[in-house]
Amino acid sequence: SFSGGTVWDLAEMRRIRDVAQARGLVAHIDGARLLNAVAATGIPAAD
């Protein structure tokens, strides 16, 4: 948001998710503009 509307790479998101969960943390998505990312990439929100 405040750093420019950059779209996260899906593979990196999943790597972060997996590292966190493997170490006992939970993984959360602040999806305020998640649907803009969907529109930009064509990747479904569920993915």
ModelCIF file with pLDDT and N, C-alpha, C, O atoms, coordinates in Angstrom:
data_MODEL
#
_entry.id   MODEL 
#
_entity.id                         1 
_entity.type                       polymer 
_entity.pdbx_number_of_molecules   1 
#
_entity_poly.entity_id                      1 
_entity_poly.type                           'polypeptide(L)' 
_entity_poly.nstd_linkage                   no 
_entity_poly.nstd_monomer                   no 
_entity_poly.pdbx_seq_one_letter_code       SFSGGTVWDLAEMRRIRDVAQARGLVAHIDGARLLNAVAATGIPAAD 
_entity_poly.pdbx_seq_one_letter_code_can   SFSGGTVWDLAEMRRIRDVAQARGLVAHIDGARLLNAVAATGIPAAD 
_entity_poly.pdbx_strand_id                 A 
#
loop_
_entity_poly_seq.entity_id 
_entity_poly_seq.num 
_entity_poly_seq.mon_id 
_entity_poly_seq.hetero 
1 1  SER n 
1 2  PHE n 
1 3  SER n 
1 4  GLY n 
1 5  GLY n 
1 6  THR n 
1 7  VAL n 
1 8  TRP n 
1 9  ASP n 
1 10 LEU n 
1 11 ALA n 
1 12 GLU n 
1 13 MET n 
1 14 ARG n 
1 15 ARG n 
1 16 ILE n 
1 17 ARG n 
1 18 ASP n 
1 19 VAL n 
1 20 ALA n 
1 21 GLN n 
1 22 ALA n 
1 23 ARG n 
1 24 GLY n 
1 25 LEU n 
1 26 VAL n 
1 27 ALA n 
1 28 HIS n 
1 29 ILE n 
1 30 ASP n 
1 31 GLY n 
1 32 ALA n 
1 33 ARG n 
1 34 LEU n 
1 35 LEU n 
1 36 ASN n 
1 37 ALA n 
1 38 VAL n 
1 39 ALA n 
1 40 ALA n 
1 41 THR n 
1 42 GLY n 
1 43 ILE n 
1 44 PRO n 
1 45 ALA n 
1 46 ALA n 
1 47 ASP n 
#
_struct_asym.id          A 
_struct_asym.entity_id   1 
#
loop_
_ma_qa_metric.id 
_ma_qa_metric.mode 
_ma_qa_metric.name 
_ma_qa_metric.software_group_id 
_ma_qa_metric.type 
1 global pLDDT . pLDDT 
2 local  pLDDT . pLDDT 
#
_ma_qa_metric_global.metric_id      1 
_ma_qa_metric_global.metric_value   97.04 
_ma_qa_metric_global.model_id       1 
_ma_qa_metric_global.ordinal_id     1 
#
loop_
_ma_qa_metric_local.label_asym_id 
_ma_qa_metric_local.label_comp_id 
_ma_qa_metric_local.label_seq_id 
_ma_qa_metric_local.metric_id 
_ma_qa_metric_local.metric_value 
_ma_qa_metric_local.model_id 
_ma_qa_metric_local.ordinal_id 
A SER 1  2 91.00 1 1  
A PHE 2  2 91.00 1 2  
A SER 3  2 87.00 1 3  
A GLY 4  2 90.00 1 4  
A GLY 5  2 95.00 1 5  
A THR 6  2 96.00 1 6  
A VAL 7  2 97.00 1 7  
A TRP 8  2 98.00 1 8  
A ASP 9  2 97.00 1 9  
A LEU 10 2 98.00 1 10 
A ALA 11 2 98.00 1 11 
A GLU 12 2 98.00 1 12 
A MET 13 2 98.00 1 13 
A ARG 14 2 98.00 1 14 
A ARG 15 2 98.00 1 15 
A ILE 16 2 98.00 1 16 
A ARG 17 2 98.00 1 17 
A ASP 18 2 98.00 1 18 
A VAL 19 2 98.00 1 19 
A ALA 20 2 98.00 1 20 
A GLN 21 2 98.00 1 21 
A ALA 22 2 98.00 1 22 
A ARG 23 2 98.00 1 23 
A GLY 24 2 98.00 1 24 
A LEU 25 2 98.00 1 25 
A VAL 26 2 98.00 1 26 
A ALA 27 2 98.00 1 27 
A HIS 28 2 98.00 1 28 
A ILE 29 2 98.00 1 29 
A ASP 30 2 98.00 1 30 
A GLY 31 2 97.00 1 31 
A ALA 32 2 96.00 1 32 
A ARG 33 2 97.00 1 33 
A LEU 34 2 98.00 1 34 
A LEU 35 2 98.00 1 35 
A ASN 36 2 98.00 1 36 
A ALA 37 2 98.00 1 37 
A VAL 38 2 98.00 1 38 
A ALA 39 2 98.00 1 39 
A ALA 40 2 97.00 1 40 
A THR 41 2 98.00 1 41 
A GLY 42 2 98.00 1 42 
A ILE 43 2 98.00 1 43 
A PRO 44 2 98.00 1 44 
A ALA 45 2 98.00 1 45 
A ALA 46 2 98.00 1 46 
A ASP 47 2 98.00 1 47 
#
loop_
_atom_site.group_PDB 
_atom_site.id 
_atom_site.type_symbol 
_atom_site.label_atom_id 
_atom_site.label_alt_id 
_atom_site.label_comp_id 
_atom_site.label_asym_id 
_atom_site.label_entity_id 
_atom_site.label_seq_id 
_atom_site.pdbx_PDB_ins_code 
_atom_site.Cartn_x 
_atom_site.Cartn_y 
_atom_site.Cartn_z 
_atom_site.occupancy 
_atom_site.B_iso_or_equiv 
_atom_site.pdbx_formal_charge 
_atom_site.auth_seq_id 
_atom_site.auth_comp_id 
_atom_site.auth_asym_id 
_atom_site.auth_atom_id 
_atom_site.pdbx_PDB_model_num 
ATOM 1   N N  . SER A 1 1  ? 0.814  -1.213  0.000   1.00 91.00 ? 1  SER A N  1 
ATOM 2   C CA . SER A 1 1  ? 0.000  0.000   0.000   1.00 91.00 ? 1  SER A CA 1 
ATOM 3   C C  . SER A 1 1  ? 0.848  1.262   0.000   1.00 91.00 ? 1  SER A C  1 
ATOM 4   O O  . SER A 1 1  ? 0.972  1.929   -1.027  1.00 91.00 ? 1  SER A O  1 
ATOM 5   N N  . PHE A 1 2  ? 1.428  1.592   1.142   1.00 91.00 ? 2  PHE A N  1 
ATOM 6   C CA . PHE A 1 2  ? 2.178  2.837   1.266   1.00 91.00 ? 2  PHE A CA 1 
ATOM 7   C C  . PHE A 1 2  ? 3.513  2.786   0.529   1.00 91.00 ? 2  PHE A C  1 
ATOM 8   O O  . PHE A 1 2  ? 4.162  3.816   0.348   1.00 91.00 ? 2  PHE A O  1 
ATOM 9   N N  . SER A 1 3  ? 3.923  1.598   0.106   1.00 87.00 ? 3  SER A N  1 
ATOM 10  C CA . SER A 1 3  ? 5.200  1.472   -0.594  1.00 87.00 ? 3  SER A CA 1 
ATOM 11  C C  . SER A 1 3  ? 5.028  1.274   -2.086  1.00 87.00 ? 3  SER A C  1 
ATOM 12  O O  . SER A 1 3  ? 6.001  0.983   -2.782  1.00 87.00 ? 3  SER A O  1 
ATOM 13  N N  . GLY A 1 4  ? 3.799  1.427   -2.601  1.00 90.00 ? 4  GLY A N  1 
ATOM 14  C CA . GLY A 1 4  ? 3.696  1.539   -4.044  1.00 90.00 ? 4  GLY A CA 1 
ATOM 15  C C  . GLY A 1 4  ? 2.822  0.601   -4.824  1.00 90.00 ? 4  GLY A C  1 
ATOM 16  O O  . GLY A 1 4  ? 2.874  0.620   -6.053  1.00 90.00 ? 4  GLY A O  1 
ATOM 17  N N  . GLY A 1 5  ? 2.010  -0.230  -4.177  1.00 95.00 ? 5  GLY A N  1 
ATOM 18  C CA . GLY A 1 5  ? 1.114  -1.089  -4.943  1.00 95.00 ? 5  GLY A CA 1 
ATOM 19  C C  . GLY A 1 5  ? 1.803  -2.246  -5.639  1.00 95.00 ? 5  GLY A C  1 
ATOM 20  O O  . GLY A 1 5  ? 1.289  -2.772  -6.627  1.00 95.00 ? 5  GLY A O  1 
ATOM 21  N N  . THR A 1 6  ? 2.958  -2.649  -5.135  1.00 96.00 ? 6  THR A N  1 
ATOM 22  C CA . THR A 1 6  ? 3.682  -3.763  -5.731  1.00 96.00 ? 6  THR A CA 1 
ATOM 23  C C  . THR A 1 6  ? 2.927  -5.065  -5.496  1.00 96.00 ? 6  THR A C  1 
ATOM 24  O O  . THR A 1 6  ? 2.353  -5.275  -4.427  1.00 96.00 ? 6  THR A O  1 
ATOM 25  N N  . VAL A 1 7  ? 2.931  -5.934  -6.497  1.00 97.00 ? 7  VAL A N  1 
ATOM 26  C CA . VAL A 1 7  ? 2.240  -7.218  -6.423  1.00 97.00 ? 7  VAL A CA 1 
ATOM 27  C C  . VAL A 1 7  ? 3.223  -8.297  -5.972  1.00 97.00 ? 7  VAL A C  1 
ATOM 28  O O  . VAL A 1 7  ? 4.262  -8.509  -6.596  1.00 97.00 ? 7  VAL A O  1 
ATOM 29  N N  . TRP A 1 8  ? 2.882  -8.964  -4.894  1.00 98.00 ? 8  TRP A N  1 
ATOM 30  C CA . TRP A 1 8  ? 3.712  -10.056 -4.399  1.00 98.00 ? 8  TRP A CA 1 
ATOM 31  C C  . TRP A 1 8  ? 3.736  -11.221 -5.382  1.00 98.00 ? 8  TRP A C  1 
ATOM 32  O O  . TRP A 1 8  ? 2.722  -11.543 -6.002  1.00 98.00 ? 8  TRP A O  1 
ATOM 33  N N  . ASP A 1 9  ? 4.887  -11.841 -5.518  1.00 97.00 ? 9  ASP A N  1 
ATOM 34  C CA . ASP A 1 9  ? 5.021  -13.067 -6.298  1.00 97.00 ? 9  ASP A CA 1 
ATOM 35  C C  . ASP A 1 9  ? 4.396  -14.222 -5.520  1.00 97.00 ? 9  ASP A C  1 
ATOM 36  O O  . ASP A 1 9  ? 4.664  -14.397 -4.331  1.00 97.00 ? 9  ASP A O  1 
ATOM 37  N N  . LEU A 1 10 ? 3.564  -15.005 -6.196  1.00 98.00 ? 10 LEU A N  1 
ATOM 38  C CA . LEU A 1 10 ? 2.846  -16.096 -5.528  1.00 98.00 ? 10 LEU A CA 1 
ATOM 39  C C  . LEU A 1 10 ? 3.801  -17.116 -4.933  1.00 98.00 ? 10 LEU A C  1 
ATOM 40  O O  . LEU A 1 10 ? 3.596  -17.575 -3.809  1.00 98.00 ? 10 LEU A O  1 
ATOM 41  N N  . ALA A 1 11 ? 4.827  -17.469 -5.661  1.00 98.00 ? 11 ALA A N  1 
ATOM 42  C CA . ALA A 1 11 ? 5.768  -18.476 -5.164  1.00 98.00 ? 11 ALA A CA 1 
ATOM 43  C C  . ALA A 1 11 ? 6.448  -18.010 -3.879  1.00 98.00 ? 11 ALA A C  1 
ATOM 44  O O  . ALA A 1 11 ? 6.639  -18.797 -2.952  1.00 98.00 ? 11 ALA A O  1 
ATOM 45  N N  . GLU A 1 12 ? 6.815  -16.726 -3.826  1.00 98.00 ? 12 GLU A N  1 
ATOM 46  C CA . GLU A 1 12 ? 7.461  -16.207 -2.618  1.00 98.00 ? 12 GLU A CA 1 
ATOM 47  C C  . GLU A 1 12 ? 6.490  -16.156 -1.449  1.00 98.00 ? 12 GLU A C  1 
ATOM 48  O O  . GLU A 1 12 ? 6.871  -16.435 -0.312  1.00 98.00 ? 12 GLU A O  1 
ATOM 49  N N  . MET A 1 13 ? 5.235  -15.803 -1.719  1.00 98.00 ? 13 MET A N  1 
ATOM 50  C CA . MET A 1 13 ? 4.230  -15.834 -0.660  1.00 98.00 ? 13 MET A CA 1 
ATOM 51  C C  . MET A 1 13 ? 4.128  -17.221 -0.056  1.00 98.00 ? 13 MET A C  1 
ATOM 52  O O  . MET A 1 13 ? 4.063  -17.377 1.164   1.00 98.00 ? 13 MET A O  1 
ATOM 53  N N  . ARG A 1 14 ? 4.114  -18.224 -0.915  1.00 98.00 ? 14 ARG A N  1 
ATOM 54  C CA . ARG A 1 14 ? 3.981  -19.599 -0.421  1.00 98.00 ? 14 ARG A CA 1 
ATOM 55  C C  . ARG A 1 14 ? 5.226  -20.053 0.333   1.00 98.00 ? 14 ARG A C  1 
ATOM 56  O O  . ARG A 1 14 ? 5.123  -20.807 1.301   1.00 98.00 ? 14 ARG A O  1 
ATOM 57  N N  . ARG A 1 15 ? 6.397  -19.604 -0.099  1.00 98.00 ? 15 ARG A N  1 
ATOM 58  C CA . ARG A 1 15 ? 7.620  -19.930 0.626   1.00 98.00 ? 15 ARG A CA 1 
ATOM 59  C C  . ARG A 1 15 ? 7.573  -19.326 2.026   1.00 98.00 ? 15 ARG A C  1 
ATOM 60  O O  . ARG A 1 15 ? 7.938  -19.980 3.003   1.00 98.00 ? 15 ARG A O  1 
ATOM 61  N N  . ILE A 1 16 ? 7.126  -18.085 2.116   1.00 98.00 ? 16 ILE A N  1 
ATOM 62  C CA . ILE A 1 16 ? 7.006  -17.433 3.427   1.00 98.00 ? 16 ILE A CA 1 
ATOM 63  C C  . ILE A 1 16 ? 5.985  -18.172 4.288   1.00 98.00 ? 16 ILE A C  1 
ATOM 64  O O  . ILE A 1 16 ? 6.226  -18.425 5.468   1.00 98.00 ? 16 ILE A O  1 
ATOM 65  N N  . ARG A 1 17 ? 4.854  -18.514 3.695   1.00 98.00 ? 17 ARG A N  1 
ATOM 66  C CA . ARG A 1 17 ? 3.825  -19.281 4.418   1.00 98.00 ? 17 ARG A CA 1 
ATOM 67  C C  . ARG A 1 17 ? 4.414  -20.576 4.979   1.00 98.00 ? 17 ARG A C  1 
ATOM 68  O O  . ARG A 1 17 ? 4.203  -20.907 6.146   1.00 98.00 ? 17 ARG A O  1 
ATOM 69  N N  . ASP A 1 18 ? 5.140  -21.291 4.154   1.00 98.00 ? 18 ASP A N  1 
ATOM 70  C CA . ASP A 1 18 ? 5.659  -22.598 4.560   1.00 98.00 ? 18 ASP A CA 1 
ATOM 71  C C  . ASP A 1 18 ? 6.729  -22.476 5.639   1.00 98.00 ? 18 ASP A C  1 
ATOM 72  O O  . ASP A 1 18 ? 6.759  -23.265 6.583   1.00 98.00 ? 18 ASP A O  1 
ATOM 73  N N  . VAL A 1 19 ? 7.616  -21.476 5.493   1.00 98.00 ? 19 VAL A N  1 
ATOM 74  C CA . VAL A 1 19 ? 8.639  -21.263 6.511   1.00 98.00 ? 19 VAL A CA 1 
ATOM 75  C C  . VAL A 1 19 ? 7.980  -20.923 7.842   1.00 98.00 ? 19 VAL A C  1 
ATOM 76  O O  . VAL A 1 19 ? 8.360  -21.458 8.883   1.00 98.00 ? 19 VAL A O  1 
ATOM 77  N N  . ALA A 1 20 ? 6.994  -20.035 7.805   1.00 98.00 ? 20 ALA A N  1 
ATOM 78  C CA . ALA A 1 20 ? 6.317  -19.631 9.031   1.00 98.00 ? 20 ALA A CA 1 
ATOM 79  C C  . ALA A 1 20 ? 5.620  -20.814 9.697   1.00 98.00 ? 20 ALA A C  1 
ATOM 80  O O  . ALA A 1 20 ? 5.803  -21.060 10.889  1.00 98.00 ? 20 ALA A O  1 
ATOM 81  N N  . GLN A 1 21 ? 4.834  -21.530 8.934   1.00 98.00 ? 21 GLN A N  1 
ATOM 82  C CA . GLN A 1 21 ? 4.065  -22.623 9.529   1.00 98.00 ? 21 GLN A CA 1 
ATOM 83  C C  . GLN A 1 21 ? 4.952  -23.764 10.014  1.00 98.00 ? 21 GLN A C  1 
ATOM 84  O O  . GLN A 1 21 ? 4.631  -24.430 10.998  1.00 98.00 ? 21 GLN A O  1 
ATOM 85  N N  . ALA A 1 22 ? 6.067  -23.987 9.322   1.00 98.00 ? 22 ALA A N  1 
ATOM 86  C CA . ALA A 1 22 ? 6.989  -25.035 9.756   1.00 98.00 ? 22 ALA A CA 1 
ATOM 87  C C  . ALA A 1 22 ? 7.641  -24.693 11.095  1.00 98.00 ? 22 ALA A C  1 
ATOM 88  O O  . ALA A 1 22 ? 8.072  -25.581 11.831  1.00 98.00 ? 22 ALA A O  1 
ATOM 89  N N  . ARG A 1 23 ? 7.708  -23.393 11.402  1.00 98.00 ? 23 ARG A N  1 
ATOM 90  C CA . ARG A 1 23 ? 8.305  -22.951 12.664  1.00 98.00 ? 23 ARG A CA 1 
ATOM 91  C C  . ARG A 1 23 ? 7.242  -22.648 13.722  1.00 98.00 ? 23 ARG A C  1 
ATOM 92  O O  . ARG A 1 23 ? 7.556  -22.093 14.775  1.00 98.00 ? 23 ARG A O  1 
ATOM 93  N N  . GLY A 1 24 ? 5.993  -23.009 13.449  1.00 98.00 ? 24 GLY A N  1 
ATOM 94  C CA . GLY A 1 24 ? 4.942  -22.853 14.436  1.00 98.00 ? 24 GLY A CA 1 
ATOM 95  C C  . GLY A 1 24 ? 4.216  -21.533 14.411  1.00 98.00 ? 24 GLY A C  1 
ATOM 96  O O  . GLY A 1 24 ? 3.431  -21.258 15.318  1.00 98.00 ? 24 GLY A O  1 
ATOM 97  N N  . LEU A 1 25 ? 4.445  -20.693 13.397  1.00 98.00 ? 25 LEU A N  1 
ATOM 98  C CA . LEU A 1 25 ? 3.742  -19.428 13.260  1.00 98.00 ? 25 LEU A CA 1 
ATOM 99  C C  . LEU A 1 25 ? 2.520  -19.610 12.370  1.00 98.00 ? 25 LEU A C  1 
ATOM 100 O O  . LEU A 1 25 ? 2.418  -20.600 11.645  1.00 98.00 ? 25 LEU A O  1 
ATOM 101 N N  . VAL A 1 26 ? 1.601  -18.667 12.422  1.00 98.00 ? 26 VAL A N  1 
ATOM 102 C CA . VAL A 1 26 ? 0.497  -18.638 11.478  1.00 98.00 ? 26 VAL A CA 1 
ATOM 103 C C  . VAL A 1 26 ? 0.807  -17.617 10.396  1.00 98.00 ? 26 VAL A C  1 
ATOM 104 O O  . VAL A 1 26 ? 1.590  -16.692 10.610  1.00 98.00 ? 26 VAL A O  1 
ATOM 105 N N  . ALA A 1 27 ? 0.188  -17.790 9.234   1.00 98.00 ? 27 ALA A N  1 
ATOM 106 C CA . ALA A 1 27 ? 0.412  -16.904 8.086   1.00 98.00 ? 27 ALA A CA 1 
ATOM 107 C C  . ALA A 1 27 ? -0.891 -16.209 7.725   1.00 98.00 ? 27 ALA A C  1 
ATOM 108 O O  . ALA A 1 27 ? -1.926 -16.852 7.552   1.00 98.00 ? 27 ALA A O  1 
ATOM 109 N N  . HIS A 1 28 ? -0.826 -14.900 7.614   1.00 98.00 ? 28 HIS A N  1 
ATOM 110 C CA . HIS A 1 28 ? -2.001 -14.047 7.411   1.00 98.00 ? 28 HIS A CA 1 
ATOM 111 C C  . HIS A 1 28 ? -1.807 -13.186 6.175   1.00 98.00 ? 28 HIS A C  1 
ATOM 112 O O  . HIS A 1 28 ? -0.696 -12.731 5.902   1.00 98.00 ? 28 HIS A O  1 
ATOM 113 N N  . ILE A 1 29 ? -2.882 -12.958 5.423   1.00 98.00 ? 29 ILE A N  1 
ATOM 114 C CA . ILE A 1 29 ? -2.847 -12.054 4.279   1.00 98.00 ? 29 ILE A CA 1 
ATOM 115 C C  . ILE A 1 29 ? -3.720 -10.840 4.558   1.00 98.00 ? 29 ILE A C  1 
ATOM 116 O O  . ILE A 1 29 ? -4.928 -10.964 4.759   1.00 98.00 ? 29 ILE A O  1 
ATOM 117 N N  . ASP A 1 30 ? -3.098 -9.665  4.568   1.00 98.00 ? 30 ASP A N  1 
ATOM 118 C CA . ASP A 1 30 ? -3.830 -8.403  4.547   1.00 98.00 ? 30 ASP A CA 1 
ATOM 119 C C  . ASP A 1 30 ? -4.182 -8.174  3.077   1.00 98.00 ? 30 ASP A C  1 
ATOM 120 O O  . ASP A 1 30 ? -3.341 -7.767  2.276   1.00 98.00 ? 30 ASP A O  1 
ATOM 121 N N  . GLY A 1 31 ? -5.446 -8.444  2.742   1.00 97.00 ? 31 GLY A N  1 
ATOM 122 C CA . GLY A 1 31 ? -5.858 -8.421  1.349   1.00 97.00 ? 31 GLY A CA 1 
ATOM 123 C C  . GLY A 1 31 ? -6.617 -7.183  0.942   1.00 97.00 ? 31 GLY A C  1 
ATOM 124 O O  . GLY A 1 31 ? -7.544 -7.256  0.136   1.00 97.00 ? 31 GLY A O  1 
ATOM 125 N N  . ALA A 1 32 ? -6.229 -6.028  1.497   1.00 96.00 ? 32 ALA A N  1 
ATOM 126 C CA . ALA A 1 32 ? -6.945 -4.792  1.194   1.00 96.00 ? 32 ALA A CA 1 
ATOM 127 C C  . ALA A 1 32 ? -7.081 -4.576  -0.305  1.00 96.00 ? 32 ALA A C  1 
ATOM 128 O O  . ALA A 1 32 ? -8.122 -4.123  -0.781  1.00 96.00 ? 32 ALA A O  1 
ATOM 129 N N  . ARG A 1 33 ? -6.015 -4.902  -1.058  1.00 97.00 ? 33 ARG A N  1 
ATOM 130 C CA . ARG A 1 33 ? -6.072 -4.774  -2.522  1.00 97.00 ? 33 ARG A CA 1 
ATOM 131 C C  . ARG A 1 33 ? -5.694 -6.089  -3.201  1.00 97.00 ? 33 ARG A C  1 
ATOM 132 O O  . ARG A 1 33 ? -5.116 -6.102  -4.287  1.00 97.00 ? 33 ARG A O  1 
ATOM 133 N N  . LEU A 1 34 ? -6.027 -7.177  -2.545  1.00 98.00 ? 34 LEU A N  1 
ATOM 134 C CA . LEU A 1 34 ? -5.757 -8.496  -3.118  1.00 98.00 ? 34 LEU A CA 1 
ATOM 135 C C  . LEU A 1 34 ? -6.406 -8.650  -4.487  1.00 98.00 ? 34 LEU A C  1 
ATOM 136 O O  . LEU A 1 34 ? -5.820 -9.253  -5.386  1.00 98.00 ? 34 LEU A O  1 
ATOM 137 N N  . LEU A 1 35 ? -7.606 -8.114  -4.651  1.00 98.00 ? 35 LEU A N  1 
ATOM 138 C CA . LEU A 1 35 ? -8.311 -8.289  -5.923  1.00 98.00 ? 35 LEU A CA 1 
ATOM 139 C C  . LEU A 1 35 ? -7.684 -7.458  -7.036  1.00 98.00 ? 35 LEU A C  1 
ATOM 140 O O  . LEU A 1 35 ? -7.848 -7.787  -8.210  1.00 98.00 ? 35 LEU A O  1 
ATOM 141 N N  . ASN A 1 36 ? -6.971 -6.394  -6.695  1.00 98.00 ? 36 ASN A N  1 
ATOM 142 C CA . ASN A 1 36 ? -6.193 -5.686  -7.717  1.00 98.00 ? 36 ASN A CA 1 
ATOM 143 C C  . ASN A 1 36 ? -5.022 -6.541  -8.186  1.00 98.00 ? 36 ASN A C  1 
ATOM 144 O O  . ASN A 1 36 ? -4.641 -6.497  -9.355  1.00 98.00 ? 36 ASN A O  1 
ATOM 145 N N  . ALA A 1 37 ? -4.453 -7.319  -7.264  1.00 98.00 ? 37 ALA A N  1 
ATOM 146 C CA . ALA A 1 37 ? -3.397 -8.253  -7.652  1.00 98.00 ? 37 ALA A CA 1 
ATOM 147 C C  . ALA A 1 37 ? -3.958 -9.339  -8.564  1.00 98.00 ? 37 ALA A C  1 
ATOM 148 O O  . ALA A 1 37 ? -3.316 -9.728  -9.540  1.00 98.00 ? 37 ALA A O  1 
ATOM 149 N N  . VAL A 1 38 ? -5.147 -9.826  -8.247  1.00 98.00 ? 38 VAL A N  1 
ATOM 150 C CA . VAL A 1 38 ? -5.807 -10.813 -9.104  1.00 98.00 ? 38 VAL A CA 1 
ATOM 151 C C  . VAL A 1 38 ? -6.012 -10.250 -10.503 1.00 98.00 ? 38 VAL A C  1 
ATOM 152 O O  . VAL A 1 38 ? -5.752 -10.931 -11.495 1.00 98.00 ? 38 VAL A O  1 
ATOM 153 N N  . ALA A 1 39 ? -6.476 -9.010  -10.581 1.00 98.00 ? 39 ALA A N  1 
ATOM 154 C CA . ALA A 1 39 ? -6.701 -8.378  -11.886 1.00 98.00 ? 39 ALA A CA 1 
ATOM 155 C C  . ALA A 1 39 ? -5.394 -8.184  -12.642 1.00 98.00 ? 39 ALA A C  1 
ATOM 156 O O  . ALA A 1 39 ? -5.372 -8.261  -13.870 1.00 98.00 ? 39 ALA A O  1 
ATOM 157 N N  . ALA A 1 40 ? -4.307 -7.932  -11.922 1.00 97.00 ? 40 ALA A N  1 
ATOM 158 C CA . ALA A 1 40 ? -3.016 -7.677  -12.563 1.00 97.00 ? 40 ALA A CA 1 
ATOM 159 C C  . ALA A 1 40 ? -2.367 -8.949  -13.079 1.00 97.00 ? 40 ALA A C  1 
ATOM 160 O O  . ALA A 1 40 ? -1.680 -8.925  -14.100 1.00 97.00 ? 40 ALA A O  1 
ATOM 161 N N  . THR A 1 41 ? -2.578 -10.057 -12.385 1.00 98.00 ? 41 THR A N  1 
ATOM 162 C CA . THR A 1 41 ? -1.851 -11.292 -12.709 1.00 98.00 ? 41 THR A CA 1 
ATOM 163 C C  . THR A 1 41 ? -2.710 -12.380 -13.336 1.00 98.00 ? 41 THR A C  1 
ATOM 164 O O  . THR A 1 41 ? -2.192 -13.272 -14.007 1.00 98.00 ? 41 THR A O  1 
ATOM 165 N N  . GLY A 1 42 ? -4.022 -12.311 -13.120 1.00 98.00 ? 42 GLY A N  1 
ATOM 166 C CA . GLY A 1 42 ? -4.890 -13.396 -13.567 1.00 98.00 ? 42 GLY A CA 1 
ATOM 167 C C  . GLY A 1 42 ? -4.877 -14.598 -12.641 1.00 98.00 ? 42 GLY A C  1 
ATOM 168 O O  . GLY A 1 42 ? -5.536 -15.600 -12.919 1.00 98.00 ? 42 GLY A O  1 
ATOM 169 N N  . ILE A 1 43 ? -4.136 -14.514 -11.542 1.00 98.00 ? 43 ILE A N  1 
ATOM 170 C CA . ILE A 1 43 ? -4.089 -15.608 -10.565 1.00 98.00 ? 43 ILE A CA 1 
ATOM 171 C C  . ILE A 1 43 ? -5.317 -15.509 -9.662  1.00 98.00 ? 43 ILE A C  1 
ATOM 172 O O  . ILE A 1 43 ? -5.543 -14.455 -9.069  1.00 98.00 ? 43 ILE A O  1 
ATOM 173 N N  . PRO A 1 44 ? -6.110 -16.561 -9.539  1.00 98.00 ? 44 PRO A N  1 
ATOM 174 C CA . PRO A 1 44 ? -7.314 -16.494 -8.704  1.00 98.00 ? 44 PRO A CA 1 
ATOM 175 C C  . PRO A 1 44 ? -6.994 -16.179 -7.247  1.00 98.00 ? 44 PRO A C  1 
ATOM 176 O O  . PRO A 1 44 ? -5.930 -16.540 -6.743  1.00 98.00 ? 44 PRO A O  1 
ATOM 177 N N  . ALA A 1 45 ? -7.919 -15.509 -6.582  1.00 98.00 ? 45 ALA A N  1 
ATOM 178 C CA . ALA A 1 45 ? -7.738 -15.166 -5.173  1.00 98.00 ? 45 ALA A CA 1 
ATOM 179 C C  . ALA A 1 45 ? -7.525 -16.411 -4.325  1.00 98.00 ? 45 ALA A C  1 
ATOM 180 O O  . ALA A 1 45 ? -6.761 -16.381 -3.359  1.00 98.00 ? 45 ALA A O  1 
ATOM 181 N N  . ALA A 1 46 ? -8.190 -17.503 -4.675  1.00 98.00 ? 46 ALA A N  1 
ATOM 182 C CA . ALA A 1 46 ? -8.047 -18.742 -3.907  1.00 98.00 ? 46 ALA A CA 1 
ATOM 183 C C  . ALA A 1 46 ? -6.633 -19.292 -3.983  1.00 98.00 ? 46 ALA A C  1 
ATOM 184 O O  . ALA A 1 46 ? -6.156 -19.906 -3.029  1.00 98.00 ? 46 ALA A O  1 
ATOM 185 N N  . ASP A 1 47 ? -5.954 -19.078 -5.108  1.00 98.00 ? 47 ASP A N  1 
ATOM 186 C CA . ASP A 1 47 ? -4.566 -19.526 -5.218  1.00 98.00 ? 47 ASP A CA 1 
ATOM 187 C C  . ASP A 1 47 ? -3.662 -18.708 -4.306  1.00 98.00 ? 47 ASP A C  1 
ATOM 188 O O  . ASP A 1 47 ? -2.454 -18.942 -4.263  1.00 98.00 ? 47 ASP A O  1 
#
